Amino acid sequence: MLATITAKGQITIPKAARETLKLNTGDRIEFVFGDDGRLFLLPVTRPVKTLKGMLPKPAQPVSLEAMDEAITQALSS
């Protein structure tokens, strides 16, 4: 998909991209640069429920104590 930058630095997000991301008028988006220099466009206004299933479940459940310990270790390093 292509888009053109206007003199004011604005672009129109192509309809197919808006539909795929379920973007509507007034929605907010975030531009994020990947480590490889690619630019990602992320919808900010989608419900948190849409994030379910994006990450695999851990092989073993993690206890709150283990999480606290990992946070403490990260902060001390």
PDB file of N, CA and C in Angstrom:
ATOM      1  N   MET A   1       0.841  -1.175   0.000  1.00  0.00           N
ATOM      2  CA  MET A   1       0.000   0.000   0.000  1.00  0.00           C
ATOM      3  C   MET A   1       0.885   1.236   0.000  1.00  0.00           C
ATOM      4  N   LEU A   2       0.464   2.221  -0.702  1.00  0.00           N
ATOM      5  CA  LEU A   2       1.203   3.475  -0.772  1.00  0.00           C
ATOM      6  C   LEU A   2       0.351   4.618  -0.244  1.00  0.00           C
ATOM      7  N   ALA A   3       1.007   5.632   0.261  1.00  0.00           N
ATOM      8  CA  ALA A   3       0.355   6.866   0.686  1.00  0.00           C
ATOM      9  C   ALA A   3       1.271   8.013   0.308  1.00  0.00           C
ATOM     10  N   THR A   4       0.696   9.182   0.124  1.00  0.00           N
ATOM     11  CA  THR A   4       1.465  10.366  -0.265  1.00  0.00           C
ATOM     12  C   THR A   4       1.491  11.354   0.891  1.00  0.00           C
ATOM     13  N   ILE A   5       2.644  11.946   1.142  1.00  0.00           N
ATOM     14  CA  ILE A   5       2.775  12.958   2.190  1.00  0.00           C
ATOM     15  C   ILE A   5       2.414  14.308   1.594  1.00  0.00           C
ATOM     16  N   THR A   6       1.528  15.038   2.277  1.00  0.00           N
ATOM     17  CA  THR A   6       1.132  16.362   1.813  1.00  0.00           C
ATOM     18  C   THR A   6       2.180  17.394   2.206  1.00  0.00           C
ATOM     19  N   ALA A   7       1.998  18.614   1.739  1.00  0.00           N
ATOM     20  CA  ALA A   7       2.918  19.706   2.077  1.00  0.00           C
ATOM     21  C   ALA A   7       2.955  19.958   3.585  1.00  0.00           C
ATOM     22  N   LYS A   8       1.880  19.625   4.280  1.00  0.00           N
ATOM     23  CA  LYS A   8       1.818  19.804   5.736  1.00  0.00           C
ATOM     24  C   LYS A   8       2.371  18.598   6.495  1.00  0.00           C
ATOM     25  N   GLY A   9       2.877  17.586   5.780  1.00  0.00           N
ATOM     26  CA  GLY A   9       3.426  16.398   6.424  1.00  0.00           C
ATOM     27  C   GLY A   9       2.364  15.391   6.828  1.00  0.00           C
ATOM     28  N   GLN A  10       1.177  15.499   6.262  1.00  0.00           N
ATOM     29  CA  GLN A  10       0.093  14.586   6.597  1.00  0.00           C
ATOM     30  C   GLN A  10      -0.030  13.480   5.562  1.00  0.00           C
ATOM     31  N   ILE A  11      -0.577  12.349   6.005  1.00  0.00           N
ATOM     32  CA  ILE A  11      -0.858  11.248   5.083  1.00  0.00           C
ATOM     33  C   ILE A  11      -2.277  10.759   5.329  1.00  0.00           C
ATOM     34  N   THR A  12      -2.843  10.136   4.325  1.00  0.00           N
ATOM     35  CA  THR A  12      -4.120   9.448   4.482  1.00  0.00           C
ATOM     36  C   THR A  12      -3.805   7.966   4.575  1.00  0.00           C
ATOM     37  N   ILE A  13      -4.282   7.327   5.636  1.00  0.00           N
ATOM     38  CA  ILE A  13      -4.065   5.896   5.800  1.00  0.00           C
ATOM     39  C   ILE A  13      -4.992   5.183   4.823  1.00  0.00           C
ATOM     40  N   PRO A  14      -4.458   4.320   3.970  1.00  0.00           N
ATOM     41  CA  PRO A  14      -5.303   3.641   2.988  1.00  0.00           C
ATOM     42  C   PRO A  14      -6.465   2.886   3.644  1.00  0.00           C
ATOM     43  N   LYS A  15      -7.588   2.831   2.926  1.00  0.00           N
ATOM     44  CA  LYS A  15      -8.801   2.220   3.452  1.00  0.00           C
ATOM     45  C   LYS A  15      -8.570   0.786   3.915  1.00  0.00           C
ATOM     46  N   ALA A  16      -7.834   0.003   3.139  1.00  0.00           N
ATOM     47  CA  ALA A  16      -7.589  -1.390   3.520  1.00  0.00           C
ATOM     48  C   ALA A  16      -6.864  -1.477   4.868  1.00  0.00           C
ATOM     49  N   ALA A  17      -5.911  -0.570   5.111  1.00  0.00           N
ATOM     50  CA  ALA A  17      -5.185  -0.556   6.385  1.00  0.00           C
ATOM     51  C   ALA A  17      -6.114  -0.143   7.521  1.00  0.00           C
ATOM     52  N   ARG A  18      -6.941   0.881   7.283  1.00  0.00           N
ATOM     53  CA  ARG A  18      -7.904   1.320   8.321  1.00  0.00           C
ATOM     54  C   ARG A  18      -8.867   0.204   8.685  1.00  0.00           C
ATOM     55  N   GLU A  19      -9.338  -0.521   7.669  1.00  0.00           N
ATOM     56  CA  GLU A  19     -10.274  -1.618   7.936  1.00  0.00           C
ATOM     57  C   GLU A  19      -9.597  -2.761   8.684  1.00  0.00           C
ATOM     58  N   THR A  20      -8.392  -3.112   8.279  1.00  0.00           N
ATOM     59  CA  THR A  20      -7.668  -4.198   8.937  1.00  0.00           C
ATOM     60  C   THR A  20      -7.393  -3.865  10.405  1.00  0.00           C
ATOM     61  N   LEU A  21      -7.005  -2.608  10.664  1.00  0.00           N
ATOM     62  CA  LEU A  21      -6.708  -2.179  12.037  1.00  0.00           C
ATOM     63  C   LEU A  21      -7.954  -1.731  12.794  1.00  0.00           C
ATOM     64  N   LYS A  22      -9.097  -1.750  12.105  1.00  0.00           N
ATOM     65  CA  LYS A  22     -10.379  -1.317  12.692  1.00  0.00           C
ATOM     66  C   LYS A  22     -10.278   0.112  13.232  1.00  0.00           C
ATOM     67  N   LEU A  23      -9.692   0.993  12.424  1.00  0.00           N
ATOM     68  CA  LEU A  23      -9.549   2.393  12.793  1.00  0.00           C
ATOM     69  C   LEU A  23     -10.761   3.183  12.321  1.00  0.00           C
ATOM     70  N   ASN A  24     -11.197   4.087  13.168  1.00  0.00           N
ATOM     71  CA  ASN A  24     -12.317   4.963  12.849  1.00  0.00           C
ATOM     72  C   ASN A  24     -11.914   6.406  13.093  1.00  0.00           C
ATOM     73  N   THR A  25     -12.723   7.322  12.606  1.00  0.00           N
ATOM     74  CA  THR A  25     -12.476   8.751  12.802  1.00  0.00           C
ATOM     75  C   THR A  25     -12.289   9.033  14.290  1.00  0.00           C
ATOM     76  N   GLY A  26     -11.227   9.753  14.622  1.00  0.00           N
ATOM     77  CA  GLY A  26     -10.956  10.124  16.013  1.00  0.00           C
ATOM     78  C   GLY A  26     -10.081   9.134  16.754  1.00  0.00           C
ATOM     79  N   ASP A  27      -9.854   7.951  16.196  1.00  0.00           N
ATOM     80  CA  ASP A  27      -8.972   6.982  16.849  1.00  0.00           C
ATOM     81  C   ASP A  27      -7.549   7.520  16.867  1.00  0.00           C
ATOM     82  N   ARG A  28      -6.787   7.066  17.846  1.00  0.00           N
ATOM     83  CA  ARG A  28      -5.395   7.476  17.959  1.00  0.00           C
ATOM     84  C   ARG A  28      -4.515   6.332  17.480  1.00  0.00           C
ATOM     85  N   ILE A  29      -3.374   6.689  16.911  1.00  0.00           N
ATOM     86  CA  ILE A  29      -2.401   5.697  16.459  1.00  0.00           C
ATOM     87  C   ILE A  29      -1.032   6.072  17.004  1.00  0.00           C
ATOM     88  N   GLU A  30      -0.175   5.091  17.076  1.00  0.00           N
ATOM     89  CA  GLU A  30       1.184   5.326  17.544  1.00  0.00           C
ATOM     90  C   GLU A  30       2.148   4.830  16.482  1.00  0.00           C
ATOM     91  N   PHE A  31       3.195   5.600  16.211  1.00  0.00           N
ATOM     92  CA  PHE A  31       4.252   5.204  15.290  1.00  0.00           C
ATOM     93  C   PHE A  31       5.414   4.693  16.139  1.00  0.00           C
ATOM     94  N   VAL A  32       5.861   3.469  15.863  1.00  0.00           N
ATOM     95  CA  VAL A  32       6.939   2.854  16.633  1.00  0.00           C
ATOM     96  C   VAL A  32       8.011   2.371  15.667  1.00  0.00           C
ATOM     97  N   PHE A  33       9.260   2.740  15.926  1.00  0.00           N
ATOM     98  CA  PHE A  33      10.378   2.268  15.112  1.00  0.00           C
ATOM     99  C   PHE A  33      10.889   0.953  15.669  1.00  0.00           C
ATOM    100  N   GLY A  34      11.041  -0.037  14.788  1.00  0.00           N
ATOM    101  CA  GLY A  34      11.637  -1.307  15.161  1.00  0.00           C
ATOM    102  C   GLY A  34      13.150  -1.187  15.174  1.00  0.00           C
ATOM    103  N   ASP A  35      13.811  -2.158  15.779  1.00  0.00           N
ATOM    104  CA  ASP A  35      15.275  -2.144  15.859  1.00  0.00           C
ATOM    105  C   ASP A  35      15.919  -2.168  14.481  1.00  0.00           C
ATOM    106  N   ASP A  36      15.206  -2.699  13.494  1.00  0.00           N
ATOM    107  CA  ASP A  36      15.745  -2.793  12.140  1.00  0.00           C
ATOM    108  C   ASP A  36      15.433  -1.562  11.293  1.00  0.00           C
ATOM    109  N   GLY A  37      14.852  -0.511  11.924  1.00  0.00           N
ATOM    110  CA  GLY A  37      14.559   0.721  11.203  1.00  0.00           C
ATOM    111  C   GLY A  37      13.181   0.784  10.586  1.00  0.00           C
ATOM    112  N   ARG A  38      12.436  -0.330  10.640  1.00  0.00           N
ATOM    113  CA  ARG A  38      11.074  -0.302  10.099  1.00  0.00           C
ATOM    114  C   ARG A  38      10.165   0.491  11.026  1.00  0.00           C
ATOM    115  N   LEU A  39       9.148   1.085  10.433  1.00  0.00           N
ATOM    116  CA  LEU A  39       8.181   1.881  11.179  1.00  0.00           C
ATOM    117  C   LEU A  39       6.877   1.101  11.266  1.00  0.00           C
ATOM    118  N   PHE A  40       6.341   0.989  12.474  1.00  0.00           N
ATOM    119  CA  PHE A  40       5.088   0.282  12.703  1.00  0.00           C
ATOM    120  C   PHE A  40       4.013   1.282  13.112  1.00  0.00           C
ATOM    121  N   LEU A  41       2.824   1.065  12.621  1.00  0.00           N
ATOM    122  CA  LEU A  41       1.677   1.897  12.955  1.00  0.00           C
ATOM    123  C   LEU A  41       0.765   1.041  13.824  1.00  0.00           C
ATOM    124  N   LEU A  42       0.528   1.484  15.047  1.00  0.00           N
ATOM    125  CA  LEU A  42      -0.266   0.697  15.988  1.00  0.00           C
ATOM    126  C   LEU A  42      -1.488   1.482  16.446  1.00  0.00           C
ATOM    127  N   PRO A  43      -2.652   0.849  16.447  1.00  0.00           N
ATOM    128  CA  PRO A  43      -3.820   1.526  16.990  1.00  0.00           C
ATOM    129  C   PRO A  43      -3.700   1.612  18.507  1.00  0.00           C
ATOM    130  N   VAL A  44      -4.013   2.769  19.062  1.00  0.00           N
ATOM    131  CA  VAL A  44      -3.914   2.973  20.505  1.00  0.00           C
ATOM    132  C   VAL A  44      -5.274   2.774  21.162  1.00  0.00           C
ATOM    133  N   THR A  45      -6.323   2.919  20.398  1.00  0.00           N
ATOM    134  CA  THR A  45      -7.662   2.943  20.984  1.00  0.00           C
ATOM    135  C   THR A  45      -8.355   1.590  21.005  1.00  0.00           C
ATOM    136  N   ARG A  46      -7.674   0.529  20.604  1.00  0.00           N
ATOM    137  CA  ARG A  46      -8.378  -0.747  20.592  1.00  0.00           C
ATOM    138  C   ARG A  46      -8.556  -1.262  22.014  1.00  0.00           C
ATOM    139  N   PRO A  47      -9.636  -1.985  22.266  1.00  0.00           N
ATOM    140  CA  PRO A  47      -9.869  -2.520  23.609  1.00  0.00           C
ATOM    141  C   PRO A  47      -8.777  -3.494  24.016  1.00  0.00           C
ATOM    142  N   VAL A  48      -8.467  -3.526  25.275  1.00  0.00           N
ATOM    143  CA  VAL A  48      -7.395  -4.388  25.767  1.00  0.00           C
ATOM    144  C   VAL A  48      -7.708  -5.858  25.502  1.00  0.00           C
ATOM    145  N   LYS A  49      -8.975  -6.217  25.385  1.00  0.00           N
ATOM    146  CA  LYS A  49      -9.348  -7.603  25.111  1.00  0.00           C
ATOM    147  C   LYS A  49      -8.785  -8.099  23.783  1.00  0.00           C
ATOM    148  N   THR A  50      -8.523  -7.187  22.849  1.00  0.00           N
ATOM    149  CA  THR A  50      -7.995  -7.614  21.556  1.00  0.00           C
ATOM    150  C   THR A  50      -6.550  -8.109  21.668  1.00  0.00           C
ATOM    151  N   LEU A  51      -5.895  -7.840  22.794  1.00  0.00           N
ATOM    152  CA  LEU A  51      -4.514  -8.282  22.995  1.00  0.00           C
ATOM    153  C   LEU A  51      -4.446  -9.740  23.437  1.00  0.00           C
ATOM    154  N   LYS A  52      -5.572 -10.291  23.890  1.00  0.00           N
ATOM    155  CA  LYS A  52      -5.598 -11.664  24.378  1.00  0.00           C
ATOM    156  C   LYS A  52      -5.135 -12.629  23.286  1.00  0.00           C
ATOM    157  N   GLY A  53      -4.230 -13.504  23.674  1.00  0.00           N
ATOM    158  CA  GLY A  53      -3.742 -14.519  22.749  1.00  0.00           C
ATOM    159  C   GLY A  53      -2.553 -14.086  21.907  1.00  0.00           C
ATOM    160  N   MET A  54      -2.088 -12.845  22.048  1.00  0.00           N
ATOM    161  CA  MET A  54      -0.951 -12.384  21.245  1.00  0.00           C
ATOM    162  C   MET A  54       0.352 -13.052  21.684  1.00  0.00           C
ATOM    163  N   LEU A  55       0.462 -13.364  22.963  1.00  0.00           N
ATOM    164  CA  LEU A  55       1.662 -14.011  23.482  1.00  0.00           C
ATOM    165  C   LEU A  55       1.331 -15.436  23.883  1.00  0.00           C
ATOM    166  N   PRO A  56       2.256 -16.340  23.674  1.00  0.00           N
ATOM    167  CA  PRO A  56       1.989 -17.729  24.075  1.00  0.00           C
ATOM    168  C   PRO A  56       1.957 -17.847  25.596  1.00  0.00           C
ATOM    169  N   LYS A  57       1.214 -18.824  26.078  1.00  0.00           N
ATOM    170  CA  LYS A  57       1.185 -19.075  27.519  1.00  0.00           C
ATOM    171  C   LYS A  57       2.531 -19.646  27.939  1.00  0.00           C
ATOM    172  N   PRO A  58       2.994 -19.277  29.143  1.00  0.00           N
ATOM    173  CA  PRO A  58       4.268 -19.842  29.610  1.00  0.00           C
ATOM    174  C   PRO A  58       4.139 -21.340  29.840  1.00  0.00           C
ATOM    175  N   ALA A  59       5.249 -22.045  29.734  1.00  0.00           N
ATOM    176  CA  ALA A  59       5.243 -23.495  29.935  1.00  0.00           C
ATOM    177  C   ALA A  59       4.801 -23.832  31.357  1.00  0.00           C
ATOM    178  N   GLN A  60       5.204 -22.981  32.311  1.00  0.00           N
ATOM    179  CA  GLN A  60       4.810 -23.166  33.707  1.00  0.00           C
ATOM    180  C   GLN A  60       4.281 -21.843  34.238  1.00  0.00           C
ATOM    181  N   PRO A  61       3.263 -21.885  35.093  1.00  0.00           N
ATOM    182  CA  PRO A  61       2.772 -20.638  35.685  1.00  0.00           C
ATOM    183  C   PRO A  61       3.875 -19.983  36.515  1.00  0.00           C
ATOM    184  N   VAL A  62       3.844 -18.667  36.582  1.00  0.00           N
ATOM    185  CA  VAL A  62       4.829 -17.918  37.351  1.00  0.00           C
ATOM    186  C   VAL A  62       4.131 -17.352  38.585  1.00  0.00           C
ATOM    187  N   SER A  63       4.720 -17.582  39.741  1.00  0.00           N
ATOM    188  CA  SER A  63       4.114 -17.089  40.985  1.00  0.00           C
ATOM    189  C   SER A  63       4.369 -15.595  41.144  1.00  0.00           C
ATOM    190  N   LEU A  64       3.559 -14.966  41.968  1.00  0.00           N
ATOM    191  CA  LEU A  64       3.762 -13.543  42.257  1.00  0.00           C
ATOM    192  C   LEU A  64       5.117 -13.311  42.911  1.00  0.00           C
ATOM    193  N   GLU A  65       5.525 -14.240  43.758  1.00  0.00           N
ATOM    194  CA  GLU A  65       6.831 -14.116  44.415  1.00  0.00           C
ATOM    195  C   GLU A  65       7.962 -14.133  43.390  1.00  0.00           C
ATOM    196  N   ALA A  66       7.869 -15.024  42.401  1.00  0.00           N
ATOM    197  CA  ALA A  66       8.890 -15.093  41.353  1.00  0.00           C
ATOM    198  C   ALA A  66       8.909 -13.809  40.528  1.00  0.00           C
ATOM    199  N   MET A  67       7.724 -13.254  40.255  1.00  0.00           N
ATOM    200  CA  MET A  67       7.660 -11.985  39.521  1.00  0.00           C
ATOM    201  C   MET A  67       8.317 -10.867  40.323  1.00  0.00           C
ATOM    202  N   ASP A  68       7.988 -10.800  41.635  1.00  0.00           N
ATOM    203  CA  ASP A  68       8.589  -9.773  42.502  1.00  0.00           C
ATOM    204  C   ASP A  68      10.103  -9.903  42.538  1.00  0.00           C
ATOM    205  N   GLU A  69      10.576 -11.147  42.618  1.00  0.00           N
ATOM    206  CA  GLU A  69      12.030 -11.377  42.661  1.00  0.00           C
ATOM    207  C   GLU A  69      12.691 -10.917  41.357  1.00  0.00           C
ATOM    208  N   ALA A  70      12.075 -11.229  40.223  1.00  0.00           N
ATOM    209  CA  ALA A  70      12.631 -10.819  38.921  1.00  0.00           C
ATOM    210  C   ALA A  70      12.663  -9.297  38.816  1.00  0.00           C
ATOM    211  N   ILE A  71      11.633  -8.630  39.289  1.00  0.00           N
ATOM    212  CA  ILE A  71      11.595  -7.160  39.254  1.00  0.00           C
ATOM    213  C   ILE A  71      12.692  -6.594  40.141  1.00  0.00           C
ATOM    214  N   THR A  72      12.853  -7.148  41.329  1.00  0.00           N
ATOM    215  CA  THR A  72      13.882  -6.683  42.262  1.00  0.00           C
ATOM    216  C   THR A  72      15.271  -6.848  41.652  1.00  0.00           C
ATOM    217  N   GLN A  73      15.511  -8.008  41.018  1.00  0.00           N
ATOM    218  CA  GLN A  73      16.818  -8.244  40.388  1.00  0.00           C
ATOM    219  C   GLN A  73      17.051  -7.268  39.242  1.00  0.00           C
ATOM    220  N   ALA A  74      16.027  -7.000  38.451  1.00  0.00           N
ATOM    221  CA  ALA A  74      16.185  -6.074  37.325  1.00  0.00           C
ATOM    222  C   ALA A  74      16.482  -4.662  37.795  1.00  0.00           C
ATOM    223  N   LEU A  75      15.850  -4.261  38.884  1.00  0.00           N
ATOM    224  CA  LEU A  75      16.066  -2.912  39.402  1.00  0.00           C
ATOM    225  C   LEU A  75      17.446  -2.747  40.036  1.00  0.00           C
ATOM    226  N   SER A  76      17.995  -3.828  40.571  1.00  0.00           N
ATOM    227  CA  SER A  76      19.295  -3.737  41.245  1.00  0.00           C
ATOM    228  C   SER A  76      20.466  -3.839  40.278  1.00  0.00           C
ATOM    229  N   SER A  77      20.215  -4.201  39.024  1.00  0.00           N
ATOM    230  CA  SER A  77      21.330  -4.325  38.075  1.00  0.00           C
ATOM    231  C   SER A  77      21.512  -3.105  37.237  1.00  0.00           C
TER     232      SER A  77
END
